[in-house]
PDB file of N, CA and C in Angstrom:
ATOM      1  N   THR A   1       4.757  -2.378  -2.297  1.00  0.00           N
ATOM      2  CA  THR A   1       3.481  -1.763  -2.284  1.00  0.00           C
ATOM      3  C   THR A   1       3.524  -0.472  -3.067  1.00  0.00           C
ATOM      4  N   VAL A   2       2.576  -0.107  -3.811  1.00  0.00           N
ATOM      5  CA  VAL A   2       2.412   1.114  -4.495  1.00  0.00           C
ATOM      6  C   VAL A   2       1.188   1.823  -4.121  1.00  0.00           C
ATOM      7  N   VAL A   3       1.285   3.021  -3.688  1.00  0.00           N
ATOM      8  CA  VAL A   3       0.107   3.847  -3.471  1.00  0.00           C
ATOM      9  C   VAL A   3       0.136   4.986  -4.423  1.00  0.00           C
ATOM     10  N   LEU A   4      -0.775   5.019  -5.405  1.00  0.00           N
ATOM     11  CA  LEU A   4      -0.801   6.150  -6.342  1.00  0.00           C
ATOM     12  C   LEU A   4      -1.789   7.116  -5.950  1.00  0.00           C
ATOM     13  N   GLY A   5      -1.529   8.393  -6.231  1.00  0.00           N
ATOM     14  CA  GLY A   5      -2.387   9.444  -5.837  1.00  0.00           C
ATOM     15  C   GLY A   5      -1.672  10.380  -4.974  1.00  0.00           C
ATOM     16  N   PRO A   6      -2.268  10.871  -3.876  1.00  0.00           N
ATOM     17  CA  PRO A   6      -1.600  11.796  -3.054  1.00  0.00           C
ATOM     18  C   PRO A   6      -0.345  11.318  -2.418  1.00  0.00           C
ATOM     19  N   ALA A   7       0.543  12.202  -2.069  1.00  0.00           N
ATOM     20  CA  ALA A   7       1.807  11.752  -1.423  1.00  0.00           C
ATOM     21  C   ALA A   7       1.473  11.160  -0.064  1.00  0.00           C
ATOM     22  N   THR A   8       2.225  10.113   0.253  1.00  0.00           N
ATOM     23  CA  THR A   8       2.145   9.529   1.582  1.00  0.00           C
ATOM     24  C   THR A   8       3.319   9.400   2.360  1.00  0.00           C
ATOM     25  N   ASN A   9       3.336   9.073   3.598  1.00  0.00           N
ATOM     26  CA  ASN A   9       4.636   8.910   4.382  1.00  0.00           C
ATOM     27  C   ASN A   9       4.888   7.453   4.660  1.00  0.00           C
ATOM     28  N   ILE A  10       4.402   6.570   3.758  1.00  0.00           N
ATOM     29  CA  ILE A  10       4.615   5.157   3.952  1.00  0.00           C
ATOM     30  C   ILE A  10       6.032   4.714   4.115  1.00  0.00           C
ATOM     31  N   ALA A  11       6.874   5.373   3.310  1.00  0.00           N
ATOM     32  CA  ALA A  11       8.290   4.950   3.368  1.00  0.00           C
ATOM     33  C   ALA A  11       8.903   5.400   4.736  1.00  0.00           C
ATOM     34  N   TYR A  12       8.459   6.538   5.242  1.00  0.00           N
ATOM     35  CA  TYR A  12       8.961   6.911   6.558  1.00  0.00           C
ATOM     36  C   TYR A  12       8.520   5.956   7.638  1.00  0.00           C
ATOM     37  N   LEU A  13       7.150   5.667   7.568  1.00  0.00           N
ATOM     38  CA  LEU A  13       6.635   4.706   8.572  1.00  0.00           C
ATOM     39  C   LEU A  13       7.354   3.417   8.528  1.00  0.00           C
ATOM     40  N   ARG A  14       7.630   2.888   7.372  1.00  0.00           N
ATOM     41  CA  ARG A  14       8.290   1.666   7.246  1.00  0.00           C
ATOM     42  C   ARG A  14       9.656   1.598   7.848  1.00  0.00           C
ATOM     43  N   ASP A  15      10.374   2.743   7.597  1.00  0.00           N
ATOM     44  CA  ASP A  15      11.795   2.826   8.172  1.00  0.00           C
ATOM     45  C   ASP A  15      11.689   3.029   9.664  1.00  0.00           C
ATOM     46  N   ILE A  16      10.714   3.646  10.183  1.00  0.00           N
ATOM     47  CA  ILE A  16      10.520   3.609  11.605  1.00  0.00           C
ATOM     48  C   ILE A  16      10.299   2.290  12.147  1.00  0.00           C
ATOM     49  N   LEU A  17       9.420   1.579  11.557  1.00  0.00           N
ATOM     50  CA  LEU A  17       9.112   0.225  11.975  1.00  0.00           C
ATOM     51  C   LEU A  17      10.311  -0.826  11.919  1.00  0.00           C
ATOM     52  N   ALA A  18      11.230  -0.475  11.027  1.00  0.00           N
ATOM     53  CA  ALA A  18      12.316  -1.316  10.828  1.00  0.00           C
ATOM     54  C   ALA A  18      13.540  -1.043  11.855  1.00  0.00           C
ATOM     55  N   GLN A  19      13.375   0.006  12.580  1.00  0.00           N
ATOM     56  CA  GLN A  19      14.358   0.371  13.657  1.00  0.00           C
ATOM     57  C   GLN A  19      14.350  -0.709  14.780  1.00  0.00           C
ATOM     58  N   PRO A  20      15.384  -1.389  15.080  1.00  0.00           N
ATOM     59  CA  PRO A  20      15.488  -2.336  16.161  1.00  0.00           C
ATOM     60  C   PRO A  20      14.967  -1.691  17.544  1.00  0.00           C
ATOM     61  N   ALA A  21      15.326  -0.476  17.802  1.00  0.00           N
ATOM     62  CA  ALA A  21      14.915   0.193  19.025  1.00  0.00           C
ATOM     63  C   ALA A  21      13.412   0.381  19.044  1.00  0.00           C
ATOM     64  N   PHE A  22      12.791   0.641  17.955  1.00  0.00           N
ATOM     65  CA  PHE A  22      11.366   0.753  17.858  1.00  0.00           C
ATOM     66  C   PHE A  22      10.681  -0.593  18.140  1.00  0.00           C
ATOM     67  N   VAL A  23      11.171  -1.606  17.511  1.00  0.00           N
ATOM     68  CA  VAL A  23      10.669  -2.893  17.640  1.00  0.00           C
ATOM     69  C   VAL A  23      10.758  -3.324  19.142  1.00  0.00           C
ATOM     70  N   ALA A  24      11.808  -2.943  19.754  1.00  0.00           N
ATOM     71  CA  ALA A  24      12.062  -3.378  21.238  1.00  0.00           C
ATOM     72  C   ALA A  24      11.235  -2.463  22.158  1.00  0.00           C
ATOM     73  N   GLY A  25      10.561  -1.452  21.564  1.00  0.00           N
ATOM     74  CA  GLY A  25       9.727  -0.557  22.470  1.00  0.00           C
ATOM     75  C   GLY A  25      10.474   0.419  23.213  1.00  0.00           C
ATOM     76  N   GLN A  26      11.737   0.705  22.708  1.00  0.00           N
ATOM     77  CA  GLN A  26      12.490   1.760  23.354  1.00  0.00           C
ATOM     78  C   GLN A  26      12.308   3.073  22.656  1.00  0.00           C
ATOM     79  N   THR A  27      11.205   3.583  22.879  1.00  0.00           N
ATOM     80  CA  THR A  27      10.803   4.891  22.185  1.00  0.00           C
ATOM     81  C   THR A  27      10.629   5.925  23.172  1.00  0.00           C
ATOM     82  N   SER A  28      10.813   7.182  22.706  1.00  0.00           N
ATOM     83  CA  SER A  28      10.507   8.346  23.455  1.00  0.00           C
ATOM     84  C   SER A  28      10.164   9.466  22.562  1.00  0.00           C
ATOM     85  N   THR A  29       9.843  10.634  22.991  1.00  0.00           N
ATOM     86  CA  THR A  29       9.599  11.752  22.091  1.00  0.00           C
ATOM     87  C   THR A  29      10.877  12.254  21.319  1.00  0.00           C
ATOM     88  N   SER A  30      11.979  11.781  21.718  1.00  0.00           N
ATOM     89  CA  SER A  30      13.181  12.092  20.967  1.00  0.00           C
ATOM     90  C   SER A  30      13.651  10.942  20.059  1.00  0.00           C
ATOM     91  N   PHE A  31      12.822   9.925  19.880  1.00  0.00           N
ATOM     92  CA  PHE A  31      13.185   8.736  19.137  1.00  0.00           C
ATOM     93  C   PHE A  31      13.647   9.032  17.695  1.00  0.00           C
ATOM     94  N   LEU A  32      12.932   9.909  16.939  1.00  0.00           N
ATOM     95  CA  LEU A  32      13.296  10.205  15.621  1.00  0.00           C
ATOM     96  C   LEU A  32      14.556  10.983  15.489  1.00  0.00           C
ATOM     97  N   ALA A  33      14.737  11.914  16.396  1.00  0.00           N
ATOM     98  CA  ALA A  33      15.960  12.697  16.448  1.00  0.00           C
ATOM     99  C   ALA A  33      17.208  11.875  16.782  1.00  0.00           C
ATOM    100  N   GLU A  34      17.010  10.834  17.606  1.00  0.00           N
ATOM    101  CA  GLU A  34      18.089   9.995  18.010  1.00  0.00           C
ATOM    102  C   GLU A  34      18.415   8.853  17.030  1.00  0.00           C
ATOM    103  N   HIS A  35      17.396   8.358  16.433  1.00  0.00           N
ATOM    104  CA  HIS A  35      17.582   7.185  15.552  1.00  0.00           C
ATOM    105  C   HIS A  35      17.544   7.423  14.085  1.00  0.00           C
ATOM    106  N   MET A  36      16.914   8.535  13.653  1.00  0.00           N
ATOM    107  CA  MET A  36      16.722   8.750  12.241  1.00  0.00           C
ATOM    108  C   MET A  36      16.984  10.223  11.926  1.00  0.00           C
ATOM    109  N   PRO A  37      18.070  10.856  12.448  1.00  0.00           N
ATOM    110  CA  PRO A  37      18.247  12.223  12.167  1.00  0.00           C
ATOM    111  C   PRO A  37      18.558  12.590  10.745  1.00  0.00           C
ATOM    112  N   ASP A  38      19.110  11.720   9.981  1.00  0.00           N
ATOM    113  CA  ASP A  38      19.411  12.091   8.532  1.00  0.00           C
ATOM    114  C   ASP A  38      18.493  11.367   7.557  1.00  0.00           C
ATOM    115  N   TRP A  39      17.311  11.038   8.008  1.00  0.00           N
ATOM    116  CA  TRP A  39      16.430  10.275   7.130  1.00  0.00           C
ATOM    117  C   TRP A  39      16.006  11.179   5.960  1.00  0.00           C
ATOM    118  N   ARG A  40      15.985  10.551   4.737  1.00  0.00           N
ATOM    119  CA  ARG A  40      15.554  11.282   3.579  1.00  0.00           C
ATOM    120  C   ARG A  40      14.594  10.262   2.833  1.00  0.00           C
ATOM    121  N   PRO A  41      13.621  10.849   2.172  1.00  0.00           N
ATOM    122  CA  PRO A  41      12.592   9.975   1.504  1.00  0.00           C
ATOM    123  C   PRO A  41      13.316   9.250   0.311  1.00  0.00           C
ATOM    124  N   PRO A  42      12.937   8.140  -0.156  1.00  0.00           N
ATOM    125  CA  PRO A  42      13.478   7.414  -1.276  1.00  0.00           C
ATOM    126  C   PRO A  42      13.333   8.196  -2.534  1.00  0.00           C
ATOM    127  N   ALA A  43      14.118   7.957  -3.494  1.00  0.00           N
ATOM    128  CA  ALA A  43      14.007   8.581  -4.741  1.00  0.00           C
ATOM    129  C   ALA A  43      12.684   8.330  -5.436  1.00  0.00           C
ATOM    130  N   GLU A  44      12.224   9.239  -6.245  1.00  0.00           N
ATOM    131  CA  GLU A  44      10.943   9.064  -6.961  1.00  0.00           C
ATOM    132  C   GLU A  44      10.995   7.809  -7.927  1.00  0.00           C
ATOM    133  N   ALA A  45       9.919   7.230  -8.244  1.00  0.00           N
ATOM    134  CA  ALA A  45       9.874   6.067  -9.151  1.00  0.00           C
ATOM    135  C   ALA A  45      10.359   6.585 -10.578  1.00  0.00           C
ATOM    136  N   SER A  46      11.008   5.622 -11.195  1.00  0.00           N
ATOM    137  CA  SER A  46      11.525   5.947 -12.489  1.00  0.00           C
ATOM    138  C   SER A  46      10.359   5.786 -13.521  1.00  0.00           C
ATOM    139  N   GLU A  47      10.623   6.279 -14.742  1.00  0.00           N
ATOM    140  CA  GLU A  47       9.567   6.162 -15.777  1.00  0.00           C
ATOM    141  C   GLU A  47       9.287   4.694 -16.042  1.00  0.00           C
ATOM    142  N   ASP A  48      10.295   3.836 -15.959  1.00  0.00           N
ATOM    143  CA  ASP A  48      10.099   2.375 -16.247  1.00  0.00           C
ATOM    144  C   ASP A  48       9.191   1.792 -15.192  1.00  0.00           C
ATOM    145  N   GLU A  49       9.262   2.245 -13.928  1.00  0.00           N
ATOM    146  CA  GLU A  49       8.512   1.776 -12.831  1.00  0.00           C
ATOM    147  C   GLU A  49       7.050   2.158 -13.003  1.00  0.00           C
ATOM    148  N   TRP A  50       6.904   3.443 -13.432  1.00  0.00           N
ATOM    149  CA  TRP A  50       5.518   3.881 -13.758  1.00  0.00           C
ATOM    150  C   TRP A  50       4.852   3.104 -14.854  1.00  0.00           C
ATOM    151  N   ILE A  51       5.652   2.837 -15.911  1.00  0.00           N
ATOM    152  CA  ILE A  51       5.100   2.055 -17.051  1.00  0.00           C
ATOM    153  C   ILE A  51       4.730   0.650 -16.633  1.00  0.00           C
ATOM    154  N   ALA A  52       5.593   0.071 -15.790  1.00  0.00           N
ATOM    155  CA  ALA A  52       5.349  -1.268 -15.316  1.00  0.00           C
ATOM    156  C   ALA A  52       4.064  -1.310 -14.448  1.00  0.00           C
ATOM    157  N   ALA A  53       3.859  -0.248 -13.598  1.00  0.00           N
ATOM    158  CA  ALA A  53       2.643  -0.239 -12.773  1.00  0.00           C
ATOM    159  C   ALA A  53       1.397  -0.035 -13.683  1.00  0.00           C
ATOM    160  N   ALA A  54       1.508   0.792 -14.683  1.00  0.00           N
ATOM    161  CA  ALA A  54       0.399   0.974 -15.584  1.00  0.00           C
ATOM    162  C   ALA A  54       0.050  -0.389 -16.349  1.00  0.00           C
ATOM    163  N   VAL A  55       1.031  -1.096 -16.811  1.00  0.00           N
ATOM    164  CA  VAL A  55       0.825  -2.292 -17.502  1.00  0.00           C
ATOM    165  C   VAL A  55       0.278  -3.366 -16.547  1.00  0.00           C
ATOM    166  N   TYR A  56       0.679  -3.453 -15.355  1.00  0.00           N
ATOM    167  CA  TYR A  56       0.130  -4.366 -14.347  1.00  0.00           C
ATOM    168  C   TYR A  56      -1.351  -4.086 -14.096  1.00  0.00           C
ATOM    169  N   GLU A  57      -1.680  -2.793 -13.962  1.00  0.00           N
ATOM    170  CA  GLU A  57      -3.078  -2.345 -13.765  1.00  0.00           C
ATOM    171  C   GLU A  57      -3.910  -2.746 -14.970  1.00  0.00           C
ATOM    172  N   ALA A  58      -3.370  -2.513 -16.186  1.00  0.00           N
ATOM    173  CA  ALA A  58      -4.130  -2.709 -17.362  1.00  0.00           C
ATOM    174  C   ALA A  58      -4.409  -4.219 -17.521  1.00  0.00           C
ATOM    175  N   LEU A  59      -3.365  -5.035 -17.218  1.00  0.00           N
ATOM    176  CA  LEU A  59      -3.550  -6.495 -17.345  1.00  0.00           C
ATOM    177  C   LEU A  59      -4.609  -7.009 -16.408  1.00  0.00           C
ATOM    178  N   GLY A  60      -4.671  -6.400 -15.189  1.00  0.00           N
ATOM    179  CA  GLY A  60      -5.645  -6.827 -14.229  1.00  0.00           C
ATOM    180  C   GLY A  60      -7.050  -6.479 -14.623  1.00  0.00           C
ATOM    181  N   LYS A  61      -7.222  -5.245 -15.261  1.00  0.00           N
ATOM    182  CA  LYS A  61      -8.519  -4.921 -15.850  1.00  0.00           C
ATOM    183  C   LYS A  61      -8.880  -5.828 -16.971  1.00  0.00           C
ATOM    184  N   ALA A  62      -7.968  -6.135 -17.814  1.00  0.00           N
ATOM    185  CA  ALA A  62      -8.189  -7.022 -18.945  1.00  0.00           C
ATOM    186  C   ALA A  62      -8.708  -8.351 -18.477  1.00  0.00           C
ATOM    187  N   ALA A  63      -8.050  -8.903 -17.418  1.00  0.00           N
ATOM    188  CA  ALA A  63      -8.440 -10.212 -16.843  1.00  0.00           C
ATOM    189  C   ALA A  63      -9.898 -10.076 -16.301  1.00  0.00           C
ATOM    190  N   ASP A  64     -10.185  -9.002 -15.643  1.00  0.00           N
ATOM    191  CA  ASP A  64     -11.639  -8.806 -15.172  1.00  0.00           C
ATOM    192  C   ASP A  64     -12.579  -8.758 -16.256  1.00  0.00           C
ATOM    193  N   ASN A  65     -12.169  -8.111 -17.309  1.00  0.00           N
ATOM    194  CA  ASN A  65     -13.101  -7.960 -18.514  1.00  0.00           C
ATOM    195  C   ASN A  65     -13.352  -9.358 -19.134  1.00  0.00           C
ATOM    196  N   GLY A  66     -12.264 -10.168 -19.170  1.00  0.00           N
ATOM    197  CA  GLY A  66     -12.366 -11.492 -19.832  1.00  0.00           C
ATOM    198  C   GLY A  66     -13.233 -12.380 -18.966  1.00  0.00           C
ATOM    199  N   ARG A  67     -13.137 -12.226 -17.651  1.00  0.00           N
ATOM    200  CA  ARG A  67     -14.003 -12.972 -16.769  1.00  0.00           C
ATOM    201  C   ARG A  67     -15.439 -12.639 -16.902  1.00  0.00           C
ATOM    202  N   GLN A  68     -15.691 -11.308 -17.074  1.00  0.00           N
ATOM    203  CA  GLN A  68     -17.005 -10.830 -17.287  1.00  0.00           C
ATOM    204  C   GLN A  68     -17.610 -11.408 -18.547  1.00  0.00           C
ATOM    205  N   ALA A  69     -16.823 -11.392 -19.651  1.00  0.00           N
ATOM    206  CA  ALA A  69     -17.274 -11.932 -20.912  1.00  0.00           C
ATOM    207  C   ALA A  69     -17.550 -13.347 -20.810  1.00  0.00           C
ATOM    208  N   ALA A  70     -16.746 -14.157 -20.082  1.00  0.00           N
ATOM    209  CA  ALA A  70     -16.902 -15.580 -20.048  1.00  0.00           C
ATOM    210  C   ALA A  70     -18.112 -15.976 -19.250  1.00  0.00           C
ATOM    211  N   THR A  71     -18.364 -15.233 -18.141  1.00  0.00           N
ATOM    212  CA  THR A  71     -19.398 -15.656 -17.190  1.00  0.00           C
ATOM    213  C   THR A  71     -20.653 -14.821 -17.305  1.00  0.00           C
ATOM    214  N   GLY A  72     -20.554 -13.585 -18.021  1.00  0.00           N
ATOM    215  CA  GLY A  72     -21.707 -12.789 -18.168  1.00  0.00           C
ATOM    216  C   GLY A  72     -22.043 -11.998 -16.850  1.00  0.00           C
ATOM    217  N   GLU A  73     -21.161 -12.111 -15.910  1.00  0.00           N
ATOM    218  CA  GLU A  73     -21.421 -11.387 -14.639  1.00  0.00           C
ATOM    219  C   GLU A  73     -20.348 -10.338 -14.369  1.00  0.00           C
ATOM    220  N   ALA A  74     -20.760  -9.219 -13.952  1.00  0.00           N
ATOM    221  CA  ALA A  74     -19.775  -8.157 -13.574  1.00  0.00           C
ATOM    222  C   ALA A  74     -19.091  -8.553 -12.235  1.00  0.00           C
ATOM    223  N   THR A  75     -17.829  -8.325 -12.201  1.00  0.00           N
ATOM    224  CA  THR A  75     -17.099  -8.527 -10.998  1.00  0.00           C
ATOM    225  C   THR A  75     -16.636  -7.186 -10.342  1.00  0.00           C
ATOM    226  N   VAL A  76     -17.695  -6.440  -9.880  1.00  0.00           N
ATOM    227  CA  VAL A  76     -17.409  -5.204  -9.320  1.00  0.00           C
ATOM    228  C   VAL A  76     -17.047  -5.408  -7.855  1.00  0.00           C
ATOM    229  N   TYR A  77     -16.040  -4.736  -7.370  1.00  0.00           N
ATOM    230  CA  TYR A  77     -15.598  -4.861  -5.979  1.00  0.00           C
ATOM    231  C   TYR A  77     -16.692  -4.263  -5.103  1.00  0.00           C
ATOM    232  N   ASN A  78     -17.082  -5.077  -4.091  1.00  0.00           N
ATOM    233  CA  ASN A  78     -18.144  -4.611  -3.121  1.00  0.00           C
ATOM    234  C   ASN A  78     -17.526  -4.785  -1.741  1.00  0.00           C
ATOM    235  N   PRO A  79     -17.269  -3.733  -1.076  1.00  0.00           N
ATOM    236  CA  PRO A  79     -16.574  -3.843   0.267  1.00  0.00           C
ATOM    237  C   PRO A  79     -17.485  -4.505   1.245  1.00  0.00           C
ATOM    238  N   TRP A  80     -18.797  -4.425   1.077  1.00  0.00           N
ATOM    239  CA  TRP A  80     -19.748  -5.144   2.048  1.00  0.00           C
ATOM    240  C   TRP A  80     -19.669  -6.682   1.926  1.00  0.00           C
ATOM    241  N   GLU A  81     -19.387  -7.180   0.683  1.00  0.00           N
ATOM    242  CA  GLU A  81     -19.218  -8.580   0.553  1.00  0.00           C
ATOM    243  C   GLU A  81     -17.876  -8.971   0.957  1.00  0.00           C
ATOM    244  N   ALA A  82     -16.848  -8.127   0.877  1.00  0.00           N
ATOM    245  CA  ALA A  82     -15.507  -8.453   1.124  1.00  0.00           C
ATOM    246  C   ALA A  82     -15.341  -8.576   2.604  1.00  0.00           C
ATOM    247  N   ALA A  83     -16.147  -7.937   3.382  1.00  0.00           N
ATOM    248  CA  ALA A  83     -16.060  -8.066   4.880  1.00  0.00           C
ATOM    249  C   ALA A  83     -16.962  -9.035   5.510  1.00  0.00           C
ATOM    250  N   ARG A  84     -17.148 -10.092   4.836  1.00  0.00           N
ATOM    251  CA  ARG A  84     -18.054 -11.183   5.375  1.00  0.00           C
ATOM    252  C   ARG A  84     -17.425 -11.646   6.718  1.00  0.00           C
ATOM    253  N   GLY A  85     -18.341 -12.027   7.610  1.00  0.00           N
ATOM    254  CA  GLY A  85     -17.976 -12.480   8.849  1.00  0.00           C
ATOM    255  C   GLY A  85     -17.708 -11.380   9.918  1.00  0.00           C
ATOM    256  N   TRP A  86     -17.745 -10.088   9.414  1.00  0.00           N
ATOM    257  CA  TRP A  86     -17.576  -9.010  10.332  1.00  0.00           C
ATOM    258  C   TRP A  86     -18.918  -8.658  10.936  1.00  0.00           C
ATOM    259  N   ARG A  87     -18.885  -8.465  12.272  1.00  0.00           N
ATOM    260  CA  ARG A  87     -20.106  -8.054  12.968  1.00  0.00           C
ATOM    261  C   ARG A  87     -19.816  -6.941  13.957  1.00  0.00           C
ATOM    262  N   ASN A  88     -20.632  -5.991  13.988  1.00  0.00           N
ATOM    263  CA  ASN A  88     -20.554  -4.921  15.021  1.00  0.00           C
ATOM    264  C   ASN A  88     -21.425  -5.413  16.084  1.00  0.00           C
ATOM    265  N   VAL A  89     -20.885  -5.527  17.276  1.00  0.00           N
ATOM    266  CA  VAL A  89     -21.727  -5.955  18.406  1.00  0.00           C
ATOM    267  C   VAL A  89     -21.664  -4.796  19.388  1.00  0.00           C
ATOM    268  N   LEU A  90     -22.870  -4.252  19.616  1.00  0.00           N
ATOM    269  CA  LEU A  90     -23.046  -3.068  20.486  1.00  0.00           C
ATOM    270  C   LEU A  90     -23.455  -3.505  21.899  1.00  0.00           C
TER     271      LEU A  90
END
């Protein structure tokens, strides 16, 4: 998974979730100090990884543009349509 934009703590959260003690529910306020005292964030993405991400994104946009040209319809993401079946019941 790649999240572009602001810095996130996704790697930290994944590493916490991967801890067997966390999965077993053996947590306390000292969990991080006990189980992950030397945790460091992963290395930054290399230039090749950034290029691969850019190419992947560009190919996706090109596919969307080709679909639009073939059908004559825009395929704009609409979160309201994506959430079909969701109902708020008050």
